[in-house]
Amino acid sequence: MEYINSEYQDSIDFLNDCAQVCYECFEASLNAPDFKERGELIKYLVECAQHCQMTVGYLSRSSIHLEEMALISAHLAKATAALCEKFDDEHTKITGKVCLETANICIEAFDD
């Protein structure tokens, strides 16, 4: 398949991965033994995932606001990664890693 707007394809791919892993971590966190300690993380996971999904649309259609949206997603992904570091389970650590990688890719795409 050939993409119409491939200029931001790396960012789009990472944003999609980030949304998926955040939703999966959200689901795992609901059943985690330390659920009560994960309140803030759960909020960030949902916000990060939703914003990543929304940003994919902006990038795909070359919106005039794509840079701002990508940088907000990068900020949310970094904040989520920082919260993930507070927990020791493998899934949350992987989520933090994916979030941080996504943030870096989005920032690099718009680094002047």
C-alpha atoms as a PDB file:
ATOM      1  CA  MET A   1       0.000   0.000   0.000  1.00  0.00           C
ATOM      2  CA  GLU A   2       1.293   3.422  -0.894  1.00  0.00           C
ATOM      3  CA  TYR A   3       0.601   6.244   1.535  1.00  0.00           C
ATOM      4  CA  ILE A   4      -0.542   9.610   0.262  1.00  0.00           C
ATOM      5  CA  ASN A   5       1.205  11.477   3.053  1.00  0.00           C
ATOM      6  CA  SER A   6       4.303   9.484   3.949  1.00  0.00           C
ATOM      7  CA  GLU A   7       6.322  12.449   5.239  1.00  0.00           C
ATOM      8  CA  TYR A   8       5.257  11.754   8.826  1.00  0.00           C
ATOM      9  CA  GLN A   9       4.859   7.993   8.548  1.00  0.00           C
ATOM     10  CA  ASP A  10       7.381   7.220  11.325  1.00  0.00           C
ATOM     11  CA  SER A  11       5.528   9.531  13.703  1.00  0.00           C
ATOM     12  CA  ILE A  12       2.178   8.039  12.677  1.00  0.00           C
ATOM     13  CA  ASP A  13       3.438   4.502  13.287  1.00  0.00           C
ATOM     14  CA  PHE A  14       4.885   5.371  16.699  1.00  0.00           C
ATOM     15  CA  LEU A  15       1.757   7.293  17.715  1.00  0.00           C
ATOM     16  CA  ASN A  16      -0.411   4.303  16.806  1.00  0.00           C
ATOM     17  CA  ASP A  17       1.874   1.981  18.795  1.00  0.00           C
ATOM     18  CA  CYS A  18       1.842   4.367  21.745  1.00  0.00           C
ATOM     19  CA  ALA A  19      -1.955   4.538  21.768  1.00  0.00           C
ATOM     20  CA  GLN A  20      -2.208   0.762  21.656  1.00  0.00           C
ATOM     21  CA  VAL A  21       0.295   0.142  24.442  1.00  0.00           C
ATOM     22  CA  CYS A  22      -1.292   2.851  26.618  1.00  0.00           C
ATOM     23  CA  TYR A  23      -4.723   1.271  26.250  1.00  0.00           C
ATOM     24  CA  GLU A  24      -3.275  -2.161  27.019  1.00  0.00           C
ATOM     25  CA  CYS A  25      -1.504  -0.786  30.095  1.00  0.00           C
ATOM     26  CA  PHE A  26      -4.738   0.920  31.145  1.00  0.00           C
ATOM     27  CA  GLU A  27      -6.528  -2.430  30.980  1.00  0.00           C
ATOM     28  CA  ALA A  28      -3.732  -4.197  32.884  1.00  0.00           C
ATOM     29  CA  SER A  29      -3.677  -1.434  35.504  1.00  0.00           C
ATOM     30  CA  LEU A  30      -7.365  -1.912  36.247  1.00  0.00           C
ATOM     31  CA  ASN A  31      -6.576  -5.457  37.376  1.00  0.00           C
ATOM     32  CA  ALA A  32      -3.220  -4.749  39.009  1.00  0.00           C
ATOM     33  CA  PRO A  33      -2.763  -5.553  42.703  1.00  0.00           C
ATOM     34  CA  ASP A  34      -1.554  -1.956  43.225  1.00  0.00           C
ATOM     35  CA  PHE A  35      -4.589  -0.478  41.461  1.00  0.00           C
ATOM     36  CA  LYS A  36      -5.135   2.185  44.126  1.00  0.00           C
ATOM     37  CA  GLU A  37      -1.643   3.596  43.522  1.00  0.00           C
ATOM     38  CA  ARG A  38      -2.226   3.832  39.761  1.00  0.00           C
ATOM     39  CA  GLY A  39      -4.948   6.511  39.672  1.00  0.00           C
ATOM     40  CA  GLU A  40      -2.823   9.253  38.142  1.00  0.00           C
ATOM     41  CA  LEU A  41      -1.131   6.815  35.758  1.00  0.00           C
ATOM     42  CA  ILE A  42      -4.495   5.534  34.530  1.00  0.00           C
ATOM     43  CA  LYS A  43      -5.618   9.083  33.716  1.00  0.00           C
ATOM     44  CA  TYR A  44      -2.394   9.781  31.834  1.00  0.00           C
ATOM     45  CA  LEU A  45      -2.598   6.517  29.894  1.00  0.00           C
ATOM     46  CA  VAL A  46      -6.056   7.387  28.585  1.00  0.00           C
ATOM     47  CA  GLU A  47      -5.148  10.994  27.746  1.00  0.00           C
ATOM     48  CA  CYS A  48      -1.940   9.919  26.020  1.00  0.00           C
ATOM     49  CA  ALA A  49      -3.685   7.226  23.972  1.00  0.00           C
ATOM     50  CA  GLN A  50      -6.546   9.483  22.923  1.00  0.00           C
ATOM     51  CA  HIS A  51      -4.263  12.348  21.964  1.00  0.00           C
ATOM     52  CA  CYS A  52      -1.975  10.046  19.995  1.00  0.00           C
ATOM     53  CA  GLN A  53      -4.942   8.750  18.012  1.00  0.00           C
ATOM     54  CA  MET A  54      -6.175  12.264  17.343  1.00  0.00           C
ATOM     55  CA  THR A  55      -2.715  13.401  16.256  1.00  0.00           C
ATOM     56  CA  VAL A  56      -2.514  10.593  13.700  1.00  0.00           C
ATOM     57  CA  GLY A  57      -5.486  12.191  11.947  1.00  0.00           C
ATOM     58  CA  TYR A  58      -3.831  15.615  11.920  1.00  0.00           C
ATOM     59  CA  LEU A  59      -0.618  14.174  10.483  1.00  0.00           C
ATOM     60  CA  SER A  60      -2.408  12.012   7.934  1.00  0.00           C
ATOM     61  CA  ARG A  61      -4.321  14.903   6.450  1.00  0.00           C
ATOM     62  CA  SER A  62      -1.434  17.414   6.685  1.00  0.00           C
ATOM     63  CA  SER A  63      -3.375  19.749   8.956  1.00  0.00           C
ATOM     64  CA  ILE A  64      -2.024  23.254   9.497  1.00  0.00           C
ATOM     65  CA  HIS A  65      -1.880  22.342  13.208  1.00  0.00           C
ATOM     66  CA  LEU A  66       0.003  19.068  12.848  1.00  0.00           C
ATOM     67  CA  GLU A  67       3.185  20.337  14.500  1.00  0.00           C
ATOM     68  CA  GLU A  68       1.383  21.613  17.592  1.00  0.00           C
ATOM     69  CA  MET A  69      -0.604  18.389  17.905  1.00  0.00           C
ATOM     70  CA  ALA A  70       2.495  16.218  17.533  1.00  0.00           C
ATOM     71  CA  LEU A  71       4.381  18.229  20.151  1.00  0.00           C
ATOM     72  CA  ILE A  72       1.468  18.005  22.603  1.00  0.00           C
ATOM     73  CA  SER A  73       1.405  14.243  22.050  1.00  0.00           C
ATOM     74  CA  ALA A  74       5.156  14.192  22.683  1.00  0.00           C
ATOM     75  CA  HIS A  75       4.654  16.082  25.946  1.00  0.00           C
ATOM     76  CA  LEU A  76       1.884  13.731  27.089  1.00  0.00           C
ATOM     77  CA  ALA A  77       3.951  10.684  26.121  1.00  0.00           C
ATOM     78  CA  LYS A  78       6.944  11.969  28.124  1.00  0.00           C
ATOM     79  CA  ALA A  79       4.764  12.665  31.159  1.00  0.00           C
ATOM     80  CA  THR A  80       3.200   9.212  30.891  1.00  0.00           C
ATOM     81  CA  ALA A  81       6.638   7.600  30.576  1.00  0.00           C
ATOM     82  CA  ALA A  82       7.751   9.360  33.757  1.00  0.00           C
ATOM     83  CA  LEU A  83       4.746   8.000  35.652  1.00  0.00           C
ATOM     84  CA  CYS A  84       5.360   4.501  34.276  1.00  0.00           C
ATOM     85  CA  GLU A  85       8.812   4.541  35.892  1.00  0.00           C
ATOM     86  CA  LYS A  86       7.159   4.450  39.333  1.00  0.00           C
ATOM     87  CA  PHE A  87       5.929   0.891  38.754  1.00  0.00           C
ATOM     88  CA  ASP A  88       7.920  -2.324  38.530  1.00  0.00           C
ATOM     89  CA  ASP A  89       5.768  -4.598  36.369  1.00  0.00           C
ATOM     90  CA  GLU A  90       7.017  -5.470  32.892  1.00  0.00           C
ATOM     91  CA  HIS A  91       3.992  -4.154  31.004  1.00  0.00           C
ATOM     92  CA  THR A  92       4.180  -0.706  32.579  1.00  0.00           C
ATOM     93  CA  LYS A  93       7.917  -0.516  31.943  1.00  0.00           C
ATOM     94  CA  ILE A  94       7.393  -1.415  28.269  1.00  0.00           C
ATOM     95  CA  THR A  95       4.660   1.220  28.055  1.00  0.00           C
ATOM     96  CA  GLY A  96       7.034   3.823  29.446  1.00  0.00           C
ATOM     97  CA  LYS A  97       9.674   2.864  26.904  1.00  0.00           C
ATOM     98  CA  VAL A  98       7.231   3.064  23.969  1.00  0.00           C
ATOM     99  CA  CYS A  99       5.909   6.422  25.213  1.00  0.00           C
ATOM    100  CA  LEU A 100       9.410   7.853  25.464  1.00  0.00           C
ATOM    101  CA  GLU A 101      10.381   6.575  22.012  1.00  0.00           C
ATOM    102  CA  THR A 102       7.199   8.096  20.584  1.00  0.00           C
ATOM    103  CA  ALA A 103       7.924  11.441  22.201  1.00  0.00           C
ATOM    104  CA  ASN A 104      11.431  11.464  20.768  1.00  0.00           C
ATOM    105  CA  ILE A 105      10.246  10.569  17.245  1.00  0.00           C
ATOM    106  CA  CYS A 106       7.614  13.318  17.296  1.00  0.00           C
ATOM    107  CA  ILE A 107      10.081  15.898  18.556  1.00  0.00           C
ATOM    108  CA  GLU A 108      12.692  14.886  15.947  1.00  0.00           C
ATOM    109  CA  ALA A 109      10.119  15.196  13.153  1.00  0.00           C
ATOM    110  CA  PHE A 110       9.713  18.881  13.933  1.00  0.00           C
ATOM    111  CA  ASP A 111      13.227  19.731  15.126  1.00  0.00           C
ATOM    112  CA  ASP A 112      14.282  22.833  13.221  1.00  0.00           C
END
